[in-house]
Protein backbone atom coordinates (compact mmCIF):
# COMPACT_ATOMS: atom_id res chain seq x y z
CA MET A 1 9.00 -4.89 20.72
CA ASN A 2 10.00 -4.96 17.04
CA LYS A 3 12.10 -1.93 16.13
CA ALA A 4 10.72 -2.02 12.57
CA GLU A 5 7.07 -1.68 13.61
CA ASN A 6 5.29 1.57 14.31
CA ILE A 7 5.25 2.37 18.02
CA ILE A 8 2.56 4.75 19.23
CA LEU A 9 3.11 6.31 22.65
CA PHE A 10 -0.01 7.28 24.57
CA GLY A 11 0.75 8.92 27.90
CA GLY A 12 -1.60 10.07 30.61
CA SER A 13 -2.68 9.69 34.20
CA PHE A 14 -5.50 7.28 33.21
CA ASP A 15 -7.34 8.15 36.41
CA PRO A 16 -9.26 5.99 35.56
CA PRO A 17 -8.85 4.72 31.98
CA HIS A 18 -12.13 5.06 30.09
CA LEU A 19 -13.60 4.08 26.74
CA GLY A 20 -12.55 7.38 25.19
CA HIS A 21 -8.91 6.40 25.75
CA MET A 22 -9.47 2.95 24.27
CA ILE A 23 -11.32 4.20 21.19
CA ILE A 24 -8.57 6.69 20.37
CA ALA A 25 -5.87 4.07 20.92
CA GLN A 26 -7.58 1.49 18.71
CA TRP A 27 -8.29 4.06 16.00
CA VAL A 28 -4.68 5.22 15.90
CA ALA A 29 -3.31 1.66 16.03
CA GLU A 30 -5.36 0.72 12.97
CA ALA A 31 -4.63 3.93 11.08
CA LEU A 32 -0.87 3.61 11.60
CA SER A 33 -0.66 -0.19 11.62
CA GLY A 34 1.17 0.01 14.92
CA VAL A 35 1.33 -1.06 18.53
CA VAL A 36 0.11 1.34 21.23
CA SER A 37 2.33 1.66 24.28
CA PHE A 38 0.40 3.21 27.16
CA LEU A 39 2.53 5.30 29.51
CA PRO A 40 0.80 5.73 32.88
CA ALA A 41 2.41 8.68 34.62
CA GLY A 42 3.91 8.28 38.05
CA ASN A 43 4.46 11.96 38.81
CA PRO A 44 3.08 13.88 35.82
CA PRO A 45 4.49 17.43 35.54
CA HIS A 46 1.14 18.92 34.47
CA LYS A 47 -1.43 17.39 36.86
CA LYS A 48 -1.82 15.53 40.14
CA PRO A 49 -3.79 12.26 39.84
CA GLN A 50 -6.62 11.50 42.26
CA GLY A 51 -6.10 7.74 42.33
CA SER A 52 -2.96 6.06 43.63
CA GLY A 53 -0.39 4.96 41.08
CA GLU A 54 -0.85 1.25 41.78
CA HIS A 55 -4.61 1.47 41.24
CA ARG A 56 -4.23 3.46 38.01
CA LEU A 57 -1.66 0.99 36.74
CA GLU A 58 -3.82 -2.01 37.60
CA MET A 59 -6.91 -0.50 35.96
CA LEU A 60 -4.93 0.21 32.80
CA LYS A 61 -3.74 -3.40 32.69
CA ILE A 62 -7.34 -4.57 33.07
CA ALA A 63 -8.45 -2.21 30.29
CA THR A 64 -5.81 -3.38 27.80
CA VAL A 65 -5.27 -7.06 28.62
CA ARG A 66 -7.55 -8.39 25.88
CA ASN A 67 -5.96 -6.38 23.07
CA PRO A 68 -2.66 -7.82 21.72
CA GLY A 69 -1.93 -4.47 20.06
CA PHE A 70 -1.88 -2.65 23.41
CA LEU A 71 1.08 -2.63 25.81
CA VAL A 72 1.50 -0.99 29.21
CA ASP A 73 4.94 0.52 29.80
CA GLU A 74 5.48 0.80 33.56
CA TYR A 75 8.83 2.59 33.38
CA GLU A 76 7.62 6.13 34.09
CA TYR A 77 5.42 4.99 36.94
CA ARG A 78 8.14 2.83 38.48
CA SER A 79 10.83 5.51 38.13
CA GLY A 80 9.36 7.51 41.03
CA LYS A 81 10.33 10.81 39.44
CA VAL A 82 8.90 13.42 37.13
CA ASN A 83 9.26 12.21 33.55
CA TYR A 84 9.29 14.61 30.63
CA SER A 85 8.04 13.63 27.19
CA VAL A 86 11.31 14.51 25.48
CA GLU A 87 13.10 12.05 27.79
CA THR A 88 10.52 9.33 27.11
CA LEU A 89 11.06 9.66 23.37
CA GLN A 90 14.82 9.51 23.85
CA ARG A 91 14.39 6.30 25.86
CA TYR A 92 12.46 4.62 23.07
CA HIS A 93 15.14 5.52 20.56
CA GLN A 94 18.02 4.44 22.77
CA ASP A 95 16.62 1.40 24.59
CA PHE A 96 14.40 -0.08 21.88
CA GLY A 97 16.09 1.17 18.73
CA VAL A 98 12.87 2.69 17.37
CA SER A 99 13.57 5.02 14.45
CA ARG A 100 12.13 8.50 14.21
CA ASP A 101 9.96 7.40 11.26
CA ASN A 102 8.41 4.60 13.34
CA LEU A 103 7.73 6.56 16.53
CA TYR A 104 4.45 8.39 17.13
CA PHE A 105 3.34 10.47 20.10
CA VAL A 106 -0.37 10.91 20.87
CA LEU A 107 -1.49 14.29 22.23
CA GLY A 108 -4.89 15.73 23.04
CA SER A 109 -5.75 19.13 21.61
CA ASP A 110 -5.33 20.71 25.06
CA SER A 111 -1.79 19.34 25.37
CA LEU A 112 -0.98 20.32 21.80
CA ARG A 113 -2.13 23.87 22.55
CA ASP A 114 0.37 24.05 25.43
CA LEU A 115 3.22 22.25 23.69
CA ASN A 116 5.38 25.36 23.43
CA THR A 117 5.42 25.53 27.26
CA TRP A 118 6.69 21.96 27.66
CA ARG A 119 10.30 21.05 28.26
CA ASP A 120 12.21 21.15 24.94
CA PRO A 121 9.27 21.15 22.49
CA GLN A 122 11.69 21.17 19.57
CA GLY A 123 13.30 18.03 20.96
CA ILE A 124 9.88 16.38 21.12
CA VAL A 125 8.88 17.07 17.52
CA SER A 126 12.32 16.15 16.20
CA GLN A 127 12.01 12.64 17.64
CA ALA A 128 8.47 11.60 16.72
CA THR A 129 5.43 12.33 14.60
CA LEU A 130 2.65 13.86 16.69
CA VAL A 131 -0.83 12.36 16.54
CA ALA A 132 -3.40 14.91 17.70
CA PHE A 133 -6.97 14.20 18.79
CA ALA A 134 -9.76 16.31 20.23
CA ARG A 135 -12.45 15.51 22.80
CA GLU A 136 -14.58 18.32 21.39
CA ALA A 137 -14.83 20.31 18.18
CA VAL A 138 -11.76 22.51 17.71
CA ASP A 139 -10.43 24.89 15.09
CA TRP A 140 -7.33 22.93 14.10
CA ARG A 141 -5.92 25.69 11.91
CA GLU A 142 -6.02 28.18 14.79
CA LEU A 143 -4.68 25.62 17.25
CA LEU A 144 -1.74 24.59 15.07
CA LEU A 145 -0.72 28.12 14.04
CA PRO A 146 1.48 28.80 17.14
CA LEU A 147 3.35 25.54 16.45
CA ASN A 148 4.49 26.53 12.96
CA ASN A 149 7.87 27.56 14.35
CA LEU A 150 8.51 23.97 15.48
CA LYS A 151 8.00 22.54 11.99
CA ALA A 152 6.40 19.51 13.59
CA LYS A 153 4.99 16.60 11.63
CA ILE A 154 1.42 16.26 12.90
CA ILE A 155 -1.30 13.76 12.01
CA LEU A 156 -4.87 14.66 12.95
CA CYS A 157 -6.74 11.71 14.44
CA LYS A 158 -10.26 11.42 13.01
CA ALA A 159 -11.53 9.14 15.77
CA PRO A 160 -15.12 9.76 16.92
CA ILE A 161 -15.48 12.38 19.63
CA ILE A 162 -16.68 10.62 22.77
CA GLU A 163 -17.75 13.00 25.51
CA VAL A 164 -16.39 11.01 28.42
CA SER A 165 -13.57 12.00 30.72
CA SER A 166 -11.86 10.63 33.80
CA THR A 167 -13.34 13.54 35.75
CA LEU A 168 -16.86 12.52 34.68
CA VAL A 169 -16.20 8.92 35.72
CA ARG A 170 -14.91 9.99 39.14
CA GLU A 171 -17.88 12.31 39.66
CA ARG A 172 -20.36 9.55 38.89
CA VAL A 173 -18.60 7.10 41.20
CA LYS A 174 -18.67 9.65 44.01
CA GLN A 175 -22.42 10.12 43.44
CA GLY A 176 -23.02 6.37 43.56
CA LEU A 177 -23.92 6.18 39.86
CA SER A 178 -22.94 3.47 37.39
CA VAL A 179 -19.99 3.93 35.02
CA ARG A 180 -20.60 0.59 33.28
CA TYR A 181 -20.62 1.94 29.72
CA LEU A 182 -17.99 4.61 30.32
CA VAL A 183 -15.04 2.37 31.24
CA PRO A 184 -13.68 -0.91 29.81
CA PRO A 185 -14.96 -4.25 31.14
CA GLY A 186 -13.46 -5.01 34.52
CA VAL A 187 -12.55 -1.43 35.40
CA GLU A 188 -15.87 -0.60 37.06
CA GLU A 189 -15.66 -3.79 39.11
CA TYR A 190 -12.15 -2.85 40.22
CA ILE A 191 -13.24 0.66 41.22
CA VAL A 192 -16.12 -0.71 43.29
CA ARG A 193 -14.06 -3.50 44.86
CA LYS A 194 -11.29 -1.11 45.92
CA GLY A 195 -13.63 1.71 46.95
CA LEU A 196 -11.91 4.23 44.68
CA TYR A 197 -12.97 7.86 44.13
CA GLN A 198 -15.34 7.97 47.08
CA GLU A 199 -13.77 11.19 48.35
CA GLY A 200 -13.06 14.09 46.03
CA ILE A 201 -12.92 14.01 42.26
């Protein structure tokens, strides 16, 4: 990892990774001329994944393997503990020497809306530029208003809105329906081979 290049952190449970994730990542990578580091959560503080960590990690590797601009950072998953975003950003500064001007943190509009409830939101925005995206039409002005006190630097991602979610993928798998054009090549085969998401969504 080159400390002079733009590093874009994209965290999530990726349960499973789908084309919406990949489109946003590619769009941001091109817009910022950077490398996307995917951060699959081991024990996310805001949600409990349906799929096991090893399966989520393997599917993410399958989804990203053909793109040289995508990396999978296994640290948070391997740590076996709850990881907070402010700590992740600190790790990239300390361990990789990434400057504040070269570090970007991708957030969905739902996460951005709740940012003030996260651990040390001021610490988050002081360490990276936020890149916000929406899965549906949102009023950005209204959404960003409560964050004015943080004086965050925020870039709005103009990637196409793709109405696909991990929940939708899991629901279709449970119903015995194809997810071929909803997930990256290889991910559907992995889900079928391992019998994932057959119970619950």
